[in-house]
Amino acid sequence: MTKRYRTTVSTTSGSTGLHAGAILAGIGLAASFFYVRAKTRQAQAENPPEGKFIEVDGVRLHYLERGSGPTLVLLHGNGVYTKDFETSGLLQRASERYRVIAFDRPGFGYSERPRTTVWTPDKQAALLHQALGQLGVESAIVAGHSWGTMVALAMGLQQPDFVRGLVLLSGYYYPSIRLDAATMTQPAIPLIGDLLRYTISPLFSRLIWPGMTKRMFAPAPVAEGFKAFPTWMALRPSQLRASAAETALMIPSALSLSKRYAELKVPAVMVAGTQDKIVDAGHNSERLHERLPNSELALEPGVGHMTHYADPGKVMAAIDAIAARVGEPVHARTPEAEALARASESGV
């Protein structure tokens, strides 16, 4: 009788502990949910849409349009949105002599990302090309940073008569082993990912945000301009899903695109930092330059992944060099652009 009594007490005690743990976990998730919702609303209130909206195939896209001149399309990388081109200063510089159209790619900023579509670079390129057509754009130079370079390349492959030239900044062009593919994709998983991105994932992402940004800018310190980037806009549940999905798509997308680079007919300029800790310049930019006979490569010594922050002037030089190669009239050209253009014309 004594042993049976003790066993019953132990089982009851364990069951009570499990129930208490479940209740505490539920309270924690609920608290996280309400906190994340409040921070999301605050971020959106403080950073409302600055541009216009256009609907393409039932997808609502947000874009910024600035300046006049030849059309330049800017495509941001993973995890950010068009604000990244503002805080880097590139949007302002480019709009001085180009008609700049910068899209929030699907799922980022204020653009939608329907779950009915797997948003590969090809799918995004087709959607954005259609949007540009609705905006009356007949041809454009397309510049992309990081993940955005794959969308730019896809558009160049799909629409060689529309894309006058490509400017590819810190791009990921060839598949490689990536630890983030295993650790940062959970918010994209249906059901469990939905629970995580509305509760735990934004808090975890906020915790590691300083380390992530240091790695993006290393070996230089985080740029002063980037400190104005609204962190919680990147940590909203909707954007975390898009970021996770694109992390999962990186390797297969690069594998698919790399099989078609020989078909690319448009001129391209690649800009990459030699100290990039996110994507290796040798494995990606140098290799792509060797693959594309109609390309130029500008390697930036001591620069990391955020080339458009490190020296926006050199990025503008690459854009101007492409414009010169394809005969687009530009109001003013920097000395760096003159040097790149002369090298291109002489075949150096």
C-alpha atoms as a PDB file:
ATOM      1  CA  MET A   1       0.000   0.000   0.000  1.00  0.00           C
ATOM      2  CA  THR A   2       2.801   2.387   0.832  1.00  0.00           C
ATOM      3  CA  LYS A   3       4.578   1.866  -2.479  1.00  0.00           C
ATOM      4  CA  ARG A   4       1.341   2.284  -4.429  1.00  0.00           C
ATOM      5  CA  TYR A   5       0.568   5.506  -2.559  1.00  0.00           C
ATOM      6  CA  ARG A   6       4.039   6.948  -3.284  1.00  0.00           C
ATOM      7  CA  THR A   7       3.802   6.081  -6.995  1.00  0.00           C
ATOM      8  CA  THR A   8       0.453   7.851  -7.256  1.00  0.00           C
ATOM      9  CA  VAL A   9       1.814  10.963  -5.588  1.00  0.00           C
ATOM     10  CA  SER A  10       4.852  11.026  -7.916  1.00  0.00           C
ATOM     11  CA  THR A  11       2.703  10.674 -11.035  1.00  0.00           C
ATOM     12  CA  THR A  12       0.322  13.365  -9.870  1.00  0.00           C
ATOM     13  CA  SER A  13       3.195  15.694  -9.051  1.00  0.00           C
ATOM     14  CA  GLY A  14       4.781  15.165 -12.481  1.00  0.00           C
ATOM     15  CA  SER A  15       1.488  15.773 -14.229  1.00  0.00           C
ATOM     16  CA  THR A  16       0.979  18.981 -12.282  1.00  0.00           C
ATOM     17  CA  GLY A  17       4.456  20.146 -13.252  1.00  0.00           C
ATOM     18  CA  LEU A  18       3.781  19.507 -16.930  1.00  0.00           C
ATOM     19  CA  HIS A  19       0.506  21.402 -16.753  1.00  0.00           C
ATOM     20  CA  ALA A  20       2.197  24.309 -15.025  1.00  0.00           C
ATOM     21  CA  GLY A  21       4.949  24.341 -17.634  1.00  0.00           C
ATOM     22  CA  ALA A  22       2.414  24.318 -20.448  1.00  0.00           C
ATOM     23  CA  ILE A  23       0.518  27.192 -18.862  1.00  0.00           C
ATOM     24  CA  LEU A  24       3.698  29.232 -18.444  1.00  0.00           C
ATOM     25  CA  ALA A  25       4.711  28.518 -22.050  1.00  0.00           C
ATOM     26  CA  GLY A  26       1.279  29.594 -23.234  1.00  0.00           C
ATOM     27  CA  ILE A  27       1.497  32.805 -21.227  1.00  0.00           C
ATOM     28  CA  GLY A  28       4.955  33.463 -22.666  1.00  0.00           C
ATOM     29  CA  LEU A  29       3.776  32.934 -26.246  1.00  0.00           C
ATOM     30  CA  ALA A  30       0.750  35.157 -25.672  1.00  0.00           C
ATOM     31  CA  ALA A  31       2.918  37.902 -24.203  1.00  0.00           C
ATOM     32  CA  SER A  32       5.316  37.594 -27.150  1.00  0.00           C
ATOM     33  CA  PHE A  33       2.429  37.776 -29.611  1.00  0.00           C
ATOM     34  CA  PHE A  34       1.045  41.007 -28.164  1.00  0.00           C
ATOM     35  CA  TYR A  35       4.504  42.554 -27.878  1.00  0.00           C
ATOM     36  CA  VAL A  36       5.361  41.708 -31.496  1.00  0.00           C
ATOM     37  CA  ARG A  37       2.014  43.033 -32.679  1.00  0.00           C
ATOM     38  CA  ALA A  38       2.576  46.309 -30.821  1.00  0.00           C
ATOM     39  CA  LYS A  39       6.107  46.721 -32.208  1.00  0.00           C
ATOM     40  CA  THR A  40       4.890  45.928 -35.736  1.00  0.00           C
ATOM     41  CA  ARG A  41       2.144  48.533 -35.530  1.00  0.00           C
ATOM     42  CA  GLN A  42       4.570  51.070 -34.113  1.00  0.00           C
ATOM     43  CA  ALA A  43       7.118  50.407 -36.866  1.00  0.00           C
ATOM     44  CA  GLN A  44       4.518  50.801 -39.600  1.00  0.00           C
ATOM     45  CA  ALA A  45       3.102  53.956 -38.026  1.00  0.00           C
ATOM     46  CA  GLU A  46       6.583  55.488 -37.852  1.00  0.00           C
ATOM     47  CA  ASN A  47       7.519  54.298 -41.359  1.00  0.00           C
ATOM     48  CA  PRO A  48       4.441  54.574 -43.582  1.00  0.00           C
ATOM     49  CA  PRO A  49       4.666  53.874 -47.330  1.00  0.00           C
ATOM     50  CA  GLU A  50       6.667  56.640 -49.010  1.00  0.00           C
ATOM     51  CA  GLY A  51       5.906  55.689 -52.594  1.00  0.00           C
ATOM     52  CA  LYS A  52       3.077  54.417 -54.740  1.00  0.00           C
ATOM     53  CA  PHE A  53       1.278  51.117 -55.233  1.00  0.00           C
ATOM     54  CA  ILE A  54       0.650  49.147 -58.396  1.00  0.00           C
ATOM     55  CA  GLU A  55      -1.262  45.880 -58.796  1.00  0.00           C
ATOM     56  CA  VAL A  56       0.161  43.241 -61.116  1.00  0.00           C
ATOM     57  CA  ASP A  57      -1.532  39.861 -61.577  1.00  0.00           C
ATOM     58  CA  GLY A  58      -3.380  40.402 -58.324  1.00  0.00           C
ATOM     59  CA  VAL A  59      -0.181  41.233 -56.392  1.00  0.00           C
ATOM     60  CA  ARG A  60       0.025  44.681 -54.802  1.00  0.00           C
ATOM     61  CA  LEU A  61       3.522  46.124 -55.103  1.00  0.00           C
ATOM     62  CA  HIS A  62       4.975  49.198 -53.449  1.00  0.00           C
ATOM     63  CA  TYR A  63       7.643  51.222 -55.234  1.00  0.00           C
ATOM     64  CA  LEU A  64       9.546  54.497 -55.023  1.00  0.00           C
ATOM     65  CA  GLU A  65      10.061  56.676 -58.085  1.00  0.00           C
ATOM     66  CA  ARG A  66      12.535  59.547 -58.106  1.00  0.00           C
ATOM     67  CA  GLY A  67      14.293  61.756 -60.642  1.00  0.00           C
ATOM     68  CA  SER A  68      14.337  61.855 -64.428  1.00  0.00           C
ATOM     69  CA  GLY A  69      16.531  60.553 -67.229  1.00  0.00           C
ATOM     70  CA  PRO A  70      17.286  56.987 -68.321  1.00  0.00           C
ATOM     71  CA  THR A  71      15.373  54.472 -66.215  1.00  0.00           C
ATOM     72  CA  LEU A  72      17.318  52.726 -63.453  1.00  0.00           C
ATOM     73  CA  VAL A  73      15.633  49.925 -61.498  1.00  0.00           C
ATOM     74  CA  LEU A  74      16.926  49.149 -57.984  1.00  0.00           C
ATOM     75  CA  LEU A  75      16.328  45.732 -56.406  1.00  0.00           C
ATOM     76  CA  HIS A  76      17.194  45.326 -52.719  1.00  0.00           C
ATOM     77  CA  GLY A  77      18.615  42.294 -50.964  1.00  0.00           C
ATOM     78  CA  ASN A  78      17.105  39.842 -48.496  1.00  0.00           C
ATOM     79  CA  GLY A  79      15.863  41.084 -45.126  1.00  0.00           C
ATOM     80  CA  VAL A  80      15.549  44.768 -46.031  1.00  0.00           C
ATOM     81  CA  TYR A  81      13.351  46.867 -48.334  1.00  0.00           C
ATOM     82  CA  THR A  82      13.590  50.034 -50.440  1.00  0.00           C
ATOM     83  CA  LYS A  83      14.534  52.045 -47.346  1.00  0.00           C
ATOM     84  CA  ASP A  84      17.965  50.423 -47.620  1.00  0.00           C
ATOM     85  CA  PHE A  85      18.662  52.401 -50.793  1.00  0.00           C
ATOM     86  CA  GLU A  86      17.637  55.599 -49.005  1.00  0.00           C
ATOM     87  CA  THR A  87      19.749  55.099 -45.885  1.00  0.00           C
ATOM     88  CA  SER A  88      22.767  54.218 -48.048  1.00  0.00           C
ATOM     89  CA  GLY A  89      22.331  57.430 -50.048  1.00  0.00           C
ATOM     90  CA  LEU A  90      22.293  55.537 -53.353  1.00  0.00           C
ATOM     91  CA  LEU A  91      18.690  56.431 -54.191  1.00  0.00           C
ATOM     92  CA  GLN A  92      19.332  60.137 -53.756  1.00  0.00           C
ATOM     93  CA  ARG A  93      22.558  60.075 -55.791  1.00  0.00           C
ATOM     94  CA  ALA A  94      21.045  58.060 -58.628  1.00  0.00           C
ATOM     95  CA  SER A  95      17.943  60.236 -58.859  1.00  0.00           C
ATOM     96  CA  GLU A  96      20.132  63.240 -59.708  1.00  0.00           C
ATOM     97  CA  ARG A  97      20.545  61.891 -63.249  1.00  0.00           C
ATOM     98  CA  TYR A  98      18.265  58.861 -63.645  1.00  0.00           C
ATOM     99  CA  ARG A  99      14.605  58.053 -63.375  1.00  0.00           C
ATOM    100  CA  VAL A 100      14.957  55.649 -60.466  1.00  0.00           C
ATOM    101  CA  ILE A 101      12.313  53.028 -59.719  1.00  0.00           C
ATOM    102  CA  ALA A 102      12.987  51.019 -56.558  1.00  0.00           C
ATOM    103  CA  PHE A 103      10.621  48.173 -55.750  1.00  0.00           C
ATOM    104  CA  ASP A 104       9.819  46.541 -52.457  1.00  0.00           C
ATOM    105  CA  ARG A 105      10.261  42.994 -53.736  1.00  0.00           C
ATOM    106  CA  PRO A 106       7.401  40.571 -52.939  1.00  0.00           C
ATOM    107  CA  GLY A 107       6.927  40.199 -49.189  1.00  0.00           C
ATOM    108  CA  PHE A 108       9.254  43.043 -48.210  1.00  0.00           C
ATOM    109  CA  GLY A 109       8.365  46.564 -47.139  1.00  0.00           C
ATOM    110  CA  TYR A 110       4.787  47.123 -48.236  1.00  0.00           C
ATOM    111  CA  SER A 111       4.597  44.642 -51.129  1.00  0.00           C
ATOM    112  CA  GLU A 112       2.492  41.490 -50.955  1.00  0.00           C
ATOM    113  CA  ARG A 113       3.870  37.944 -51.289  1.00  0.00           C
ATOM    114  CA  PRO A 114       1.003  35.504 -51.956  1.00  0.00           C
ATOM    115  CA  ARG A 115       1.674  32.002 -50.691  1.00  0.00           C
ATOM    116  CA  THR A 116       0.189  30.521 -53.838  1.00  0.00           C
ATOM    117  CA  THR A 117       3.467  31.258 -55.659  1.00  0.00           C
ATOM    118  CA  VAL A 118       7.032  30.126 -54.998  1.00  0.00           C
ATOM    119  CA  TRP A 119       8.806  33.448 -55.478  1.00  0.00           C
ATOM    120  CA  THR A 120      11.926  32.377 -57.322  1.00  0.00           C
ATOM    121  CA  PRO A 121      14.105  34.989 -59.050  1.00  0.00           C
ATOM    122  CA  ASP A 122      12.374  34.104 -62.326  1.00  0.00           C
ATOM    123  CA  LYS A 123       8.907  34.654 -60.859  1.00  0.00           C
ATOM    124  CA  GLN A 124       9.907  37.962 -59.300  1.00  0.00           C
ATOM    125  CA  ALA A 125      11.613  39.144 -62.489  1.00  0.00           C
ATOM    126  CA  ALA A 126       8.529  38.397 -64.572  1.00  0.00           C
ATOM    127  CA  LEU A 127       6.266  40.208 -62.105  1.00  0.00           C
ATOM    128  CA  LEU A 128       8.493  43.278 -61.858  1.00  0.00           C
ATOM    129  CA  HIS A 129       8.976  43.468 -65.623  1.00  0.00           C
ATOM    130  CA  GLN A 130       5.209  43.486 -66.008  1.00  0.00           C
ATOM    131  CA  ALA A 131       4.968  46.236 -63.380  1.00  0.00           C
ATOM    132  CA  LEU A 132       7.545  48.308 -65.241  1.00  0.00           C
ATOM    133  CA  GLY A 133       5.535  47.891 -68.429  1.00  0.00           C
ATOM    134  CA  GLN A 134       2.460  49.224 -66.653  1.00  0.00           C
ATOM    135  CA  LEU A 135       4.547  52.217 -65.576  1.00  0.00           C
ATOM    136  CA  GLY A 136       5.408  52.938 -69.187  1.00  0.00           C
ATOM    137  CA  VAL A 137       9.035  51.815 -69.007  1.00  0.00           C
ATOM    138  CA  GLU A 138      10.313  50.533 -72.356  1.00  0.00           C
ATOM    139  CA  SER A 139      13.888  49.764 -71.302  1.00  0.00           C
ATOM    140  CA  ALA A 140      15.996  50.050 -68.172  1.00  0.00           C
ATOM    141  CA  ILE A 141      19.324  49.503 -66.513  1.00  0.00           C
ATOM    142  CA  VAL A 142      18.721  47.078 -63.643  1.00  0.00           C
ATOM    143  CA  ALA A 143      20.826  47.148 -60.471  1.00  0.00           C
ATOM    144  CA  GLY A 144      20.506  44.609 -57.686  1.00  0.00           C
ATOM    145  CA  HIS A 145      22.185  44.041 -54.346  1.00  0.00           C
ATOM    146  CA  SER A 146      22.768  40.588 -52.828  1.00  0.00           C
ATOM    147  CA  TRP A 147      19.581  38.479 -53.381  1.00  0.00           C
ATOM    148  CA  GLY A 148      18.358  41.210 -55.709  1.00  0.00           C
ATOM    149  CA  THR A 149      21.182  40.375 -58.140  1.00  0.00           C
ATOM    150  CA  MET A 150      19.525  37.035 -58.878  1.00  0.00           C
ATOM    151  CA  VAL A 151      16.283  38.811 -59.781  1.00  0.00           C
ATOM    152  CA  ALA A 152      18.250  41.235 -61.964  1.00  0.00           C
ATOM    153  CA  LEU A 153      20.013  38.365 -63.736  1.00  0.00           C
ATOM    154  CA  ALA A 154      16.720  36.546 -64.251  1.00  0.00           C
ATOM    155  CA  MET A 155      15.222  39.675 -65.820  1.00  0.00           C
ATOM    156  CA  GLY A 156      18.257  40.049 -68.066  1.00  0.00           C
ATOM    157  CA  LEU A 157      17.863  36.451 -69.231  1.00  0.00           C
ATOM    158  CA  GLN A 158      14.110  36.776 -69.758  1.00  0.00           C
ATOM    159  CA  GLN A 159      14.064  40.228 -71.350  1.00  0.00           C
ATOM    160  CA  PRO A 160      17.377  40.954 -73.131  1.00  0.00           C
ATOM    161  CA  ASP A 161      15.780  43.651 -75.285  1.00  0.00           C
ATOM    162  CA  PHE A 162      14.266  45.392 -72.258  1.00  0.00           C
ATOM    163  CA  VAL A 163      17.275  45.229 -69.912  1.00  0.00           C
ATOM    164  CA  ARG A 164      19.959  47.565 -71.295  1.00  0.00           C
ATOM    165  CA  GLY A 165      22.555  46.537 -68.742  1.00  0.00           C
ATOM    166  CA  LEU A 166      23.056  45.024 -65.288  1.00  0.00           C
ATOM    167  CA  VAL A 167      24.826  46.367 -62.209  1.00  0.00           C
ATOM    168  CA  LEU A 168      25.338  43.540 -59.726  1.00  0.00           C
ATOM    169  CA  LEU A 169      26.392  44.402 -56.172  1.00  0.00           C
ATOM    170  CA  SER A 170      27.728  41.741 -53.784  1.00  0.00           C
ATOM    171  CA  GLY A 171      25.808  39.005 -55.561  1.00  0.00           C
ATOM    172  CA  TYR A 172      25.294  35.313 -54.842  1.00  0.00           C
ATOM    173  CA  TYR A 173      25.617  33.581 -58.218  1.00  0.00           C
ATOM    174  CA  TYR A 174      26.803  30.032 -57.546  1.00  0.00           C
ATOM    175  CA  PRO A 175      25.567  27.491 -54.970  1.00  0.00           C
ATOM    176  CA  SER A 176      27.631  26.939 -51.852  1.00  0.00           C
ATOM    177  CA  ILE A 177      27.143  25.492 -48.378  1.00  0.00           C
ATOM    178  CA  ARG A 178      25.307  28.012 -46.199  1.00  0.00           C
ATOM    179  CA  LEU A 179      24.654  27.504 -42.493  1.00  0.00           C
ATOM    180  CA  ASP A 180      21.906  30.142 -42.526  1.00  0.00           C
ATOM    181  CA  ALA A 181      19.875  27.912 -44.856  1.00  0.00           C
ATOM    182  CA  ALA A 182      19.410  25.520 -41.942  1.00  0.00           C
ATOM    183  CA  THR A 183      19.039  28.035 -39.110  1.00  0.00           C
ATOM    184  CA  MET A 184      17.026  30.938 -40.562  1.00  0.00           C
ATOM    185  CA  THR A 185      14.297  29.247 -42.602  1.00  0.00           C
ATOM    186  CA  GLN A 186      11.867  28.167 -39.860  1.00  0.00           C
ATOM    187  CA  PRO A 187       9.491  31.166 -40.195  1.00  0.00           C
ATOM    188  CA  ALA A 188       8.705  30.051 -43.754  1.00  0.00           C
ATOM    189  CA  ILE A 189       7.430  26.615 -42.645  1.00  0.00           C
ATOM    190  CA  PRO A 190       3.606  26.478 -42.720  1.00  0.00           C
ATOM    191  CA  LEU A 191       1.830  26.331 -39.331  1.00  0.00           C
ATOM    192  CA  ILE A 192       4.845  26.031 -37.014  1.00  0.00           C
ATOM    193  CA  GLY A 193       6.573  28.853 -38.866  1.00  0.00           C
ATOM    194  CA  ASP A 194       3.462  30.994 -38.546  1.00  0.00           C
ATOM    195  CA  LEU A 195       3.487  30.492 -34.784  1.00  0.00           C
ATOM    196  CA  LEU A 196       7.184  31.316 -34.557  1.00  0.00           C
ATOM    197  CA  ARG A 197       7.138  34.463 -36.685  1.00  0.00           C
ATOM    198  CA  TYR A 198       4.307  36.002 -34.659  1.00  0.00           C
ATOM    199  CA  THR A 199       5.937  35.197 -31.314  1.00  0.00           C
ATOM    200  CA  ILE A 200       9.513  33.998 -30.822  1.00  0.00           C
ATOM    201  CA  SER A 201      11.260  34.655 -34.146  1.00  0.00           C
ATOM    202  CA  PRO A 202      11.036  38.480 -34.072  1.00  0.00           C
ATOM    203  CA  LEU A 203      12.463  38.535 -30.541  1.00  0.00           C
ATOM    204  CA  PHE A 204      15.283  36.156 -31.445  1.00  0.00           C
ATOM    205  CA  SER A 205      16.004  38.133 -34.617  1.00  0.00           C
ATOM    206  CA  ARG A 206      16.119  41.368 -32.620  1.00  0.00           C
ATOM    207  CA  LEU A 207      18.590  39.745 -30.245  1.00  0.00           C
ATOM    208  CA  ILE A 208      20.985  38.751 -33.026  1.00  0.00           C
ATOM    209  CA  TRP A 209      20.414  41.870 -35.171  1.00  0.00           C
ATOM    210  CA  PRO A 210      23.543  43.750 -33.943  1.00  0.00           C
ATOM    211  CA  GLY A 211      25.761  40.763 -34.704  1.00  0.00           C
ATOM    212  CA  MET A 212      24.166  40.255 -38.103  1.00  0.00           C
ATOM    213  CA  THR A 213      24.658  43.864 -39.135  1.00  0.00           C
ATOM    214  CA  LYS A 214      28.269  43.882 -37.919  1.00  0.00           C
ATOM    215  CA  ARG A 215      28.928  40.836 -40.096  1.00  0.00           C
ATOM    216  CA  MET A 216      27.298  42.492 -43.122  1.00  0.00           C
ATOM    217  CA  PHE A 217      29.509  45.565 -42.854  1.00  0.00           C
ATOM    218  CA  ALA A 218      32.718  43.922 -41.622  1.00  0.00           C
ATOM    219  CA  PRO A 219      35.577  44.650 -41.673  1.00  0.00           C
ATOM    220  CA  ALA A 220      34.297  48.253 -41.541  1.00  0.00           C
ATOM    221  CA  PRO A 221      32.024  49.377 -38.694  1.00  0.00           C
ATOM    222  CA  VAL A 222      28.292  49.571 -39.314  1.00  0.00           C
ATOM    223  CA  ALA A 223      27.669  52.622 -41.501  1.00  0.00           C
ATOM    224  CA  GLU A 224      26.106  55.651 -39.837  1.00  0.00           C
ATOM    225  CA  GLY A 225      23.424  55.721 -42.519  1.00  0.00           C
ATOM    226  CA  PHE A 226      22.293  52.182 -41.740  1.00  0.00           C
ATOM    227  CA  LYS A 227      21.646  53.144 -38.132  1.00  0.00           C
ATOM    228  CA  ALA A 228      18.618  55.032 -39.467  1.00  0.00           C
ATOM    229  CA  PHE A 229      17.225  51.847 -41.013  1.00  0.00           C
ATOM    230  CA  PRO A 230      14.031  50.897 -39.099  1.00  0.00           C
ATOM    231  CA  THR A 231      14.949  47.567 -37.523  1.00  0.00           C
ATOM    232  CA  TRP A 232      11.427  46.506 -36.596  1.00  0.00           C
ATOM    233  CA  MET A 233      10.243  46.928 -40.178  1.00  0.00           C
ATOM    234  CA  ALA A 234      12.575  44.026 -40.975  1.00  0.00           C
ATOM    235  CA  LEU A 235      11.328  42.001 -37.990  1.00  0.00           C
ATOM    236  CA  ARG A 236       7.624  42.124 -38.791  1.00  0.00           C
ATOM    237  CA  PRO A 237       6.075  38.647 -39.148  1.00  0.00           C
ATOM    238  CA  SER A 238       5.260  39.160 -42.832  1.00  0.00           C
ATOM    239  CA  GLN A 239       8.803  40.200 -43.683  1.00  0.00           C
ATOM    240  CA  LEU A 240      10.358  37.410 -41.622  1.00  0.00           C
ATOM    241  CA  ARG A 241       8.398  34.900 -43.709  1.00  0.00           C
ATOM    242  CA  ALA A 242       9.710  36.463 -46.921  1.00  0.00           C
ATOM    243  CA  SER A 243      13.276  36.541 -45.576  1.00  0.00           C
ATOM    244  CA  ALA A 244      13.115  32.914 -44.470  1.00  0.00           C
ATOM    245  CA  ALA A 245      11.656  31.813 -47.800  1.00  0.00           C
ATOM    246  CA  GLU A 246      14.416  33.585 -49.715  1.00  0.00           C
ATOM    247  CA  THR A 247      17.079  32.053 -47.500  1.00  0.00           C
ATOM    248  CA  ALA A 248      15.645  28.635 -48.330  1.00  0.00           C
ATOM    249  CA  LEU A 249      15.581  29.497 -52.052  1.00  0.00           C
ATOM    250  CA  MET A 250      19.159  30.810 -52.282  1.00  0.00           C
ATOM    251  CA  ILE A 251      20.974  27.597 -53.144  1.00  0.00           C
ATOM    252  CA  PRO A 252      18.414  26.142 -55.605  1.00  0.00           C
ATOM    253  CA  SER A 253      17.969  29.542 -57.256  1.00  0.00           C
ATOM    254  CA  ALA A 254      21.704  30.024 -57.774  1.00  0.00           C
ATOM    255  CA  LEU A 255      21.989  26.471 -59.096  1.00  0.00           C
ATOM    256  CA  SER A 256      19.190  27.032 -61.602  1.00  0.00           C
ATOM    257  CA  LEU A 257      20.444  30.426 -62.783  1.00  0.00           C
ATOM    258  CA  SER A 258      24.080  29.363 -63.072  1.00  0.00           C
ATOM    259  CA  LYS A 259      23.160  26.866 -65.785  1.00  0.00           C
ATOM    260  CA  ARG A 260      21.931  29.736 -67.977  1.00  0.00           C
ATOM    261  CA  TYR A 261      24.614  32.408 -67.583  1.00  0.00           C
ATOM    262  CA  ALA A 262      26.062  31.534 -70.994  1.00  0.00           C
ATOM    263  CA  GLU A 263      22.776  32.753 -72.506  1.00  0.00           C
ATOM    264  CA  LEU A 264      23.082  36.245 -70.994  1.00  0.00           C
ATOM    265  CA  LYS A 265      23.496  38.835 -73.743  1.00  0.00           C
ATOM    266  CA  VAL A 266      23.280  42.121 -71.821  1.00  0.00           C
ATOM    267  CA  PRO A 267      26.417  43.884 -70.523  1.00  0.00           C
ATOM    268  CA  ALA A 268      27.070  43.686 -66.803  1.00  0.00           C
ATOM    269  CA  VAL A 269      29.261  45.313 -64.176  1.00  0.00           C
ATOM    270  CA  MET A 270      29.881  43.437 -60.933  1.00  0.00           C
ATOM    271  CA  VAL A 271      30.925  45.292 -57.787  1.00  0.00           C
ATOM    272  CA  ALA A 272      32.096  43.235 -54.814  1.00  0.00           C
ATOM    273  CA  GLY A 273      34.033  43.681 -51.595  1.00  0.00           C
ATOM    274  CA  THR A 274      37.115  41.514 -51.164  1.00  0.00           C
ATOM    275  CA  GLN A 275      36.297  41.054 -47.453  1.00  0.00           C
ATOM    276  CA  ASP A 276      32.635  40.094 -47.889  1.00  0.00           C
ATOM    277  CA  LYS A 277      31.666  37.695 -45.069  1.00  0.00           C
ATOM    278  CA  ILE A 278      28.193  36.959 -46.481  1.00  0.00           C
ATOM    279  CA  VAL A 279      29.051  35.868 -50.031  1.00  0.00           C
ATOM    280  CA  ASP A 280      32.595  35.128 -51.132  1.00  0.00           C
ATOM    281  CA  ALA A 281      33.682  37.468 -53.938  1.00  0.00           C
ATOM    282  CA  GLY A 282      36.049  34.923 -55.460  1.00  0.00           C
ATOM    283  CA  HIS A 283      33.470  32.147 -55.606  1.00  0.00           C
ATOM    284  CA  ASN A 284      30.772  34.447 -56.945  1.00  0.00           C
ATOM    285  CA  SER A 285      31.678  37.763 -58.594  1.00  0.00           C
ATOM    286  CA  GLU A 286      35.094  36.780 -59.955  1.00  0.00           C
ATOM    287  CA  ARG A 287      33.726  33.493 -61.237  1.00  0.00           C
ATOM    288  CA  LEU A 288      30.754  35.165 -62.925  1.00  0.00           C
ATOM    289  CA  HIS A 289      33.036  37.760 -64.514  1.00  0.00           C
ATOM    290  CA  GLU A 290      35.080  34.943 -66.056  1.00  0.00           C
ATOM    291  CA  ARG A 291      31.860  33.356 -67.336  1.00  0.00           C
ATOM    292  CA  LEU A 292      30.455  36.524 -68.923  1.00  0.00           C
ATOM    293  CA  PRO A 293      32.599  37.952 -71.731  1.00  0.00           C
ATOM    294  CA  ASN A 294      30.486  41.118 -71.829  1.00  0.00           C
ATOM    295  CA  SER A 295      31.188  42.079 -68.214  1.00  0.00           C
ATOM    296  CA  GLU A 296      33.375  44.245 -66.005  1.00  0.00           C
ATOM    297  CA  LEU A 297      34.434  43.566 -62.424  1.00  0.00           C
ATOM    298  CA  ALA A 298      35.195  46.177 -59.770  1.00  0.00           C
ATOM    299  CA  LEU A 299      36.665  44.597 -56.636  1.00  0.00           C
ATOM    300  CA  GLU A 300      36.713  46.862 -53.583  1.00  0.00           C
ATOM    301  CA  PRO A 301      39.661  46.084 -51.261  1.00  0.00           C
ATOM    302  CA  GLY A 302      38.790  45.957 -47.576  1.00  0.00           C
ATOM    303  CA  VAL A 303      35.049  46.247 -48.235  1.00  0.00           C
ATOM    304  CA  GLY A 304      32.395  43.837 -46.976  1.00  0.00           C
ATOM    305  CA  HIS A 305      28.924  42.921 -48.200  1.00  0.00           C
ATOM    306  CA  MET A 306      27.354  46.390 -48.109  1.00  0.00           C
ATOM    307  CA  THR A 307      29.139  47.865 -51.111  1.00  0.00           C
ATOM    308  CA  HIS A 308      26.469  50.528 -51.660  1.00  0.00           C
ATOM    309  CA  TYR A 309      27.196  51.953 -48.199  1.00  0.00           C
ATOM    310  CA  ALA A 310      30.979  51.610 -48.388  1.00  0.00           C
ATOM    311  CA  ASP A 311      31.243  53.905 -51.408  1.00  0.00           C
ATOM    312  CA  PRO A 312      28.018  54.955 -53.175  1.00  0.00           C
ATOM    313  CA  GLY A 313      30.161  56.992 -55.563  1.00  0.00           C
ATOM    314  CA  LYS A 314      31.835  53.852 -56.924  1.00  0.00           C
ATOM    315  CA  VAL A 315      28.464  52.170 -57.317  1.00  0.00           C
ATOM    316  CA  MET A 316      27.263  55.202 -59.246  1.00  0.00           C
ATOM    317  CA  ALA A 317      30.408  54.953 -61.362  1.00  0.00           C
ATOM    318  CA  ALA A 318      29.451  51.382 -62.276  1.00  0.00           C
ATOM    319  CA  ILE A 319      25.928  52.499 -63.171  1.00  0.00           C
ATOM    320  CA  ASP A 320      27.236  55.383 -65.278  1.00  0.00           C
ATOM    321  CA  ALA A 321      29.717  53.066 -66.993  1.00  0.00           C
ATOM    322  CA  ILE A 322      26.908  50.741 -68.066  1.00  0.00           C
ATOM    323  CA  ALA A 323      24.849  53.719 -69.223  1.00  0.00           C
ATOM    324  CA  ALA A 324      27.787  54.899 -71.332  1.00  0.00           C
ATOM    325  CA  ARG A 325      28.280  51.451 -72.850  1.00  0.00           C
ATOM    326  CA  VAL A 326      24.669  51.195 -73.984  1.00  0.00           C
ATOM    327  CA  GLY A 327      24.478  54.788 -75.184  1.00  0.00           C
ATOM    328  CA  GLU A 328      22.174  56.196 -72.514  1.00  0.00           C
ATOM    329  CA  PRO A 329      22.612  59.979 -72.154  1.00  0.00           C
ATOM    330  CA  VAL A 330      23.600  60.868 -68.590  1.00  0.00           C
ATOM    331  CA  HIS A 331      23.681  64.458 -67.389  1.00  0.00           C
ATOM    332  CA  ALA A 332      26.891  64.096 -65.399  1.00  0.00           C
ATOM    333  CA  ARG A 333      29.491  61.395 -64.973  1.00  0.00           C
ATOM    334  CA  THR A 334      31.878  60.895 -62.075  1.00  0.00           C
ATOM    335  CA  PRO A 335      35.657  60.501 -62.601  1.00  0.00           C
ATOM    336  CA  GLU A 336      35.334  56.855 -61.546  1.00  0.00           C
ATOM    337  CA  ALA A 337      32.659  56.315 -64.205  1.00  0.00           C
ATOM    338  CA  GLU A 338      34.913  57.891 -66.833  1.00  0.00           C
ATOM    339  CA  ALA A 339      37.705  55.457 -65.910  1.00  0.00           C
ATOM    340  CA  LEU A 340      35.405  52.434 -66.046  1.00  0.00           C
ATOM    341  CA  ALA A 341      33.883  53.568 -69.333  1.00  0.00           C
ATOM    342  CA  ARG A 342      37.331  54.054 -70.913  1.00  0.00           C
ATOM    343  CA  ALA A 343      38.450  50.621 -69.707  1.00  0.00           C
ATOM    344  CA  SER A 344      35.303  49.061 -71.152  1.00  0.00           C
ATOM    345  CA  GLU A 345      35.685  50.819 -74.504  1.00  0.00           C
ATOM    346  CA  SER A 346      39.344  49.786 -74.795  1.00  0.00           C
ATOM    347  CA  GLY A 347      38.578  46.191 -73.847  1.00  0.00           C
ATOM    348  CA  VAL A 348      40.763  46.282 -70.734  1.00  0.00           C
END
